[in-house]
């Protein structure tokens, strides 16, 4: 379980992190990531979007599913920002 692992990382380091996470998944591991970075979210197998707001106005599941599923949920702030990114591509980091 990783809590916002991309905080403070350079874009290239985020790509390296995604490669490592994908390797873990490819070898049969389950990886749980709490993250706001859309580059990470768009590469996820499954997303659970909590909200609709923060604090006492949050804590509910607003959307869940693949990134494409979440992008279709109008009540999801994450989905609203994710949709344009998915329209261009859903690039998954791989070893160069």
N, C-alpha and C. Protein backbone atom coordinates (compact mmCIF):
# COMPACT_ATOMS: atom_id res chain seq x y z
N UNK A 1 0.86 -1.16 0.00
CA UNK A 1 0.00 0.00 0.00
C UNK A 1 0.91 1.23 0.00
N UNK A 2 0.65 2.12 -0.93
CA UNK A 2 1.44 3.34 -1.07
C UNK A 2 0.52 4.55 -0.96
N UNK A 3 0.89 5.51 -0.13
CA UNK A 3 0.11 6.73 0.06
C UNK A 3 0.79 7.88 -0.67
N UNK A 4 0.22 8.29 -1.79
CA UNK A 4 0.71 9.38 -2.62
C UNK A 4 2.21 9.27 -2.92
N UNK A 5 2.63 8.17 -3.53
CA UNK A 5 4.05 7.95 -3.78
C UNK A 5 4.69 8.91 -4.78
N UNK A 6 3.88 9.64 -5.56
CA UNK A 6 4.47 10.54 -6.56
C UNK A 6 4.73 11.94 -6.03
N UNK A 7 4.33 12.21 -4.79
CA UNK A 7 4.53 13.55 -4.23
C UNK A 7 6.00 13.93 -4.26
N UNK A 8 6.30 15.04 -4.93
CA UNK A 8 7.66 15.55 -5.00
C UNK A 8 8.53 14.91 -6.06
N UNK A 9 7.99 13.95 -6.80
CA UNK A 9 8.80 13.28 -7.82
C UNK A 9 8.78 14.05 -9.14
N UNK A 10 9.90 14.01 -9.84
CA UNK A 10 10.01 14.55 -11.19
C UNK A 10 9.21 13.63 -12.12
N UNK A 11 8.75 14.17 -13.25
CA UNK A 11 7.96 13.40 -14.20
C UNK A 11 8.65 12.10 -14.60
N UNK A 12 9.95 12.15 -14.83
CA UNK A 12 10.69 10.93 -15.21
C UNK A 12 10.69 9.90 -14.08
N UNK A 13 10.74 10.39 -12.85
CA UNK A 13 10.71 9.47 -11.72
C UNK A 13 9.33 8.84 -11.55
N UNK A 14 8.29 9.58 -11.90
CA UNK A 14 6.94 9.01 -11.87
C UNK A 14 6.86 7.85 -12.87
N UNK A 15 7.44 8.04 -14.05
CA UNK A 15 7.47 6.97 -15.05
C UNK A 15 8.20 5.74 -14.53
N UNK A 16 9.32 5.96 -13.85
CA UNK A 16 10.08 4.84 -13.28
C UNK A 16 9.26 4.12 -12.20
N UNK A 17 8.57 4.89 -11.38
CA UNK A 17 7.72 4.30 -10.35
C UNK A 17 6.62 3.44 -10.98
N UNK A 18 6.01 3.93 -12.05
CA UNK A 18 4.96 3.16 -12.73
C UNK A 18 5.50 1.85 -13.30
N UNK A 19 6.72 1.87 -13.79
CA UNK A 19 7.35 0.64 -14.29
C UNK A 19 7.49 -0.37 -13.16
N UNK A 20 7.96 0.09 -12.01
CA UNK A 20 8.13 -0.80 -10.85
C UNK A 20 6.77 -1.35 -10.39
N UNK A 21 5.76 -0.48 -10.31
CA UNK A 21 4.44 -0.93 -9.88
C UNK A 21 3.86 -1.95 -10.86
N UNK A 22 4.05 -1.72 -12.15
CA UNK A 22 3.56 -2.68 -13.16
C UNK A 22 4.28 -4.01 -13.05
N UNK A 23 5.56 -4.00 -12.73
CA UNK A 23 6.30 -5.26 -12.54
C UNK A 23 5.74 -6.03 -11.35
N UNK A 24 5.43 -5.31 -10.28
CA UNK A 24 4.84 -5.97 -9.10
C UNK A 24 3.52 -6.65 -9.47
N UNK A 25 2.68 -5.94 -10.21
CA UNK A 25 1.39 -6.50 -10.62
C UNK A 25 1.60 -7.68 -11.57
N UNK A 26 2.54 -7.54 -12.49
CA UNK A 26 2.80 -8.61 -13.47
C UNK A 26 3.28 -9.90 -12.81
N UNK A 27 3.87 -9.79 -11.62
CA UNK A 27 4.34 -10.99 -10.91
C UNK A 27 3.31 -11.50 -9.90
N UNK A 28 2.07 -10.99 -10.00
CA UNK A 28 0.98 -11.53 -9.19
C UNK A 28 0.68 -10.79 -7.91
N UNK A 29 1.33 -9.65 -7.70
CA UNK A 29 1.09 -8.88 -6.48
C UNK A 29 -0.09 -7.93 -6.65
N UNK A 30 -0.73 -7.63 -5.54
CA UNK A 30 -1.76 -6.60 -5.51
C UNK A 30 -1.11 -5.32 -5.00
N UNK A 31 -1.33 -4.23 -5.72
CA UNK A 31 -0.76 -2.94 -5.35
C UNK A 31 -1.91 -1.98 -5.11
N UNK A 32 -1.97 -1.39 -3.92
CA UNK A 32 -2.98 -0.40 -3.59
C UNK A 32 -2.28 0.94 -3.46
N UNK A 33 -2.77 1.94 -4.21
CA UNK A 33 -2.14 3.26 -4.22
C UNK A 33 -3.20 4.31 -3.95
N UNK A 34 -2.94 5.18 -2.98
CA UNK A 34 -3.77 6.35 -2.74
C UNK A 34 -3.07 7.48 -3.47
N UNK A 35 -3.73 8.08 -4.46
CA UNK A 35 -3.02 9.01 -5.33
C UNK A 35 -3.96 10.04 -5.94
N UNK A 36 -3.41 11.24 -6.19
CA UNK A 36 -4.13 12.30 -6.90
C UNK A 36 -3.55 12.53 -8.29
N UNK A 37 -2.40 11.97 -8.58
CA UNK A 37 -1.72 12.17 -9.85
C UNK A 37 -2.46 11.42 -10.96
N UNK A 38 -2.98 12.19 -11.92
CA UNK A 38 -3.78 11.58 -12.99
C UNK A 38 -2.97 10.65 -13.88
N UNK A 39 -1.66 10.88 -13.98
CA UNK A 39 -0.83 9.97 -14.78
C UNK A 39 -0.79 8.58 -14.15
N UNK A 40 -0.88 8.52 -12.84
CA UNK A 40 -0.93 7.23 -12.15
C UNK A 40 -2.33 6.64 -12.25
N UNK A 41 -3.33 7.48 -12.01
CA UNK A 41 -4.72 7.01 -12.02
C UNK A 41 -5.09 6.42 -13.38
N UNK A 42 -4.67 7.08 -14.46
CA UNK A 42 -5.07 6.60 -15.79
C UNK A 42 -4.46 5.24 -16.14
N UNK A 43 -3.39 4.85 -15.44
CA UNK A 43 -2.74 3.56 -15.69
C UNK A 43 -3.26 2.45 -14.78
N UNK A 44 -4.16 2.80 -13.89
CA UNK A 44 -4.65 1.83 -12.90
C UNK A 44 -5.59 0.82 -13.53
N UNK A 45 -5.62 -0.37 -12.95
CA UNK A 45 -6.58 -1.39 -13.37
C UNK A 45 -7.96 -1.07 -12.82
N UNK A 46 -8.00 -0.52 -11.59
CA UNK A 46 -9.27 -0.26 -10.91
C UNK A 46 -9.12 1.01 -10.09
N UNK A 47 -10.13 1.87 -10.13
CA UNK A 47 -10.11 3.14 -9.41
C UNK A 47 -11.33 3.20 -8.50
N UNK A 48 -11.11 3.65 -7.27
CA UNK A 48 -12.21 3.95 -6.35
C UNK A 48 -12.08 5.42 -6.02
N UNK A 49 -13.04 6.21 -6.49
CA UNK A 49 -13.02 7.67 -6.31
C UNK A 49 -13.89 8.03 -5.11
N UNK A 50 -13.26 8.60 -4.09
CA UNK A 50 -13.96 8.98 -2.87
C UNK A 50 -14.33 10.46 -2.93
N UNK A 51 -15.45 10.81 -2.33
CA UNK A 51 -15.87 12.21 -2.32
C UNK A 51 -17.27 12.32 -1.77
N UNK A 52 -18.10 13.23 -2.24
CA UNK A 52 -17.82 14.09 -3.38
C UNK A 52 -16.90 15.26 -3.05
N UNK A 53 -16.82 15.63 -1.80
CA UNK A 53 -15.94 16.71 -1.36
C UNK A 53 -14.94 16.13 -0.36
N UNK A 54 -14.21 17.00 0.30
CA UNK A 54 -13.29 16.57 1.35
C UNK A 54 -13.95 16.69 2.71
N UNK A 55 -13.27 16.16 3.72
CA UNK A 55 -13.73 16.31 5.10
C UNK A 55 -15.09 15.67 5.34
N UNK A 56 -15.93 16.36 6.14
CA UNK A 56 -17.23 15.78 6.50
C UNK A 56 -18.19 15.71 5.32
N UNK A 57 -17.86 16.35 4.21
CA UNK A 57 -18.70 16.27 3.00
C UNK A 57 -18.21 15.18 2.03
N UNK A 58 -17.29 14.38 2.51
CA UNK A 58 -16.72 13.33 1.66
C UNK A 58 -16.87 11.97 2.28
N UNK A 59 -16.00 11.07 1.84
CA UNK A 59 -15.98 9.73 2.41
C UNK A 59 -16.92 8.74 1.75
N UNK A 60 -17.57 9.15 0.68
CA UNK A 60 -18.47 8.26 -0.04
C UNK A 60 -17.81 7.82 -1.34
N UNK A 61 -18.17 6.64 -1.80
CA UNK A 61 -17.68 6.19 -3.10
C UNK A 61 -18.51 6.90 -4.17
N UNK A 62 -17.85 7.77 -4.93
CA UNK A 62 -18.51 8.53 -6.00
C UNK A 62 -18.52 7.72 -7.29
N UNK A 63 -17.42 7.02 -7.54
CA UNK A 63 -17.30 6.21 -8.76
C UNK A 63 -16.29 5.11 -8.51
N UNK A 64 -16.46 4.01 -9.22
CA UNK A 64 -15.47 2.94 -9.18
C UNK A 64 -15.51 2.17 -10.48
N UNK A 65 -14.36 1.63 -10.82
CA UNK A 65 -14.25 0.86 -12.05
C UNK A 65 -12.92 1.15 -12.73
N UNK A 66 -12.86 0.85 -14.00
CA UNK A 66 -11.66 1.18 -14.76
C UNK A 66 -11.56 2.69 -14.88
N UNK A 67 -10.40 3.21 -15.23
CA UNK A 67 -10.31 4.66 -15.44
C UNK A 67 -11.36 5.16 -16.44
N UNK A 68 -11.63 4.37 -17.47
CA UNK A 68 -12.64 4.76 -18.46
C UNK A 68 -14.03 4.81 -17.84
N UNK A 69 -14.34 3.88 -16.95
CA UNK A 69 -15.62 3.89 -16.24
C UNK A 69 -15.76 5.14 -15.39
N UNK A 70 -14.73 5.46 -14.63
CA UNK A 70 -14.75 6.62 -13.74
C UNK A 70 -14.89 7.91 -14.55
N UNK A 71 -14.25 7.97 -15.71
CA UNK A 71 -14.31 9.16 -16.56
C UNK A 71 -15.72 9.45 -17.06
N UNK A 72 -16.59 8.46 -17.05
CA UNK A 72 -17.96 8.63 -17.53
C UNK A 72 -18.92 9.12 -16.44
N UNK A 73 -18.47 9.13 -15.18
CA UNK A 73 -19.34 9.51 -14.06
C UNK A 73 -19.29 11.02 -13.88
N UNK A 74 -20.40 11.68 -14.19
CA UNK A 74 -20.45 13.14 -14.14
C UNK A 74 -20.22 13.70 -12.74
N UNK A 75 -20.60 12.95 -11.71
CA UNK A 75 -20.44 13.42 -10.32
C UNK A 75 -19.00 13.29 -9.82
N UNK A 76 -18.14 12.67 -10.61
CA UNK A 76 -16.75 12.44 -10.19
C UNK A 76 -15.85 13.56 -10.67
N UNK A 77 -15.27 14.30 -9.73
CA UNK A 77 -14.29 15.33 -10.10
C UNK A 77 -13.08 14.67 -10.78
N UNK A 78 -12.68 13.54 -10.25
CA UNK A 78 -11.56 12.80 -10.85
C UNK A 78 -11.90 12.44 -12.28
N UNK A 79 -13.09 11.93 -12.50
CA UNK A 79 -13.52 11.56 -13.84
C UNK A 79 -13.53 12.72 -14.81
N UNK A 80 -13.93 13.90 -14.32
CA UNK A 80 -13.97 15.08 -15.18
C UNK A 80 -12.59 15.46 -15.68
N UNK A 81 -11.58 15.31 -14.84
CA UNK A 81 -10.21 15.64 -15.25
C UNK A 81 -9.55 14.47 -15.98
N UNK A 82 -9.99 13.27 -15.70
CA UNK A 82 -9.42 12.08 -16.31
C UNK A 82 -9.88 11.90 -17.76
N UNK A 83 -11.11 12.27 -18.05
CA UNK A 83 -11.69 12.04 -19.38
C UNK A 83 -10.84 12.62 -20.51
N UNK A 84 -10.40 13.89 -20.44
CA UNK A 84 -9.59 14.41 -21.55
C UNK A 84 -8.25 13.68 -21.70
N UNK A 85 -7.68 13.24 -20.59
CA UNK A 85 -6.41 12.50 -20.66
C UNK A 85 -6.60 11.16 -21.35
N UNK A 86 -7.70 10.51 -21.07
CA UNK A 86 -7.97 9.21 -21.67
C UNK A 86 -8.34 9.34 -23.14
N UNK A 87 -8.89 10.49 -23.51
CA UNK A 87 -9.25 10.72 -24.91
C UNK A 87 -7.99 10.76 -25.78
N UNK A 88 -6.87 11.22 -25.19
CA UNK A 88 -5.63 11.29 -25.97
C UNK A 88 -4.90 9.96 -25.94
N UNK A 89 -4.81 9.35 -24.75
CA UNK A 89 -4.21 8.01 -24.65
C UNK A 89 -4.26 7.52 -23.22
N UNK A 90 -4.12 6.22 -23.07
CA UNK A 90 -3.99 5.59 -21.75
C UNK A 90 -2.65 4.89 -21.74
N UNK A 91 -1.61 5.67 -21.75
CA UNK A 91 -0.26 5.13 -21.85
C UNK A 91 0.15 4.49 -20.53
N UNK A 92 0.59 3.27 -20.62
CA UNK A 92 1.10 2.55 -19.46
C UNK A 92 2.62 2.51 -19.56
N UNK A 93 3.27 2.88 -18.49
CA UNK A 93 4.74 2.89 -18.48
C UNK A 93 5.27 1.48 -18.65
N UNK A 94 6.23 1.34 -19.52
CA UNK A 94 6.89 0.06 -19.72
C UNK A 94 8.39 0.29 -19.78
N UNK A 95 9.13 -0.79 -19.59
CA UNK A 95 10.58 -0.68 -19.63
C UNK A 95 11.04 -0.28 -21.03
N UNK A 96 11.94 0.68 -21.08
CA UNK A 96 12.45 1.18 -22.37
C UNK A 96 13.43 0.23 -22.98
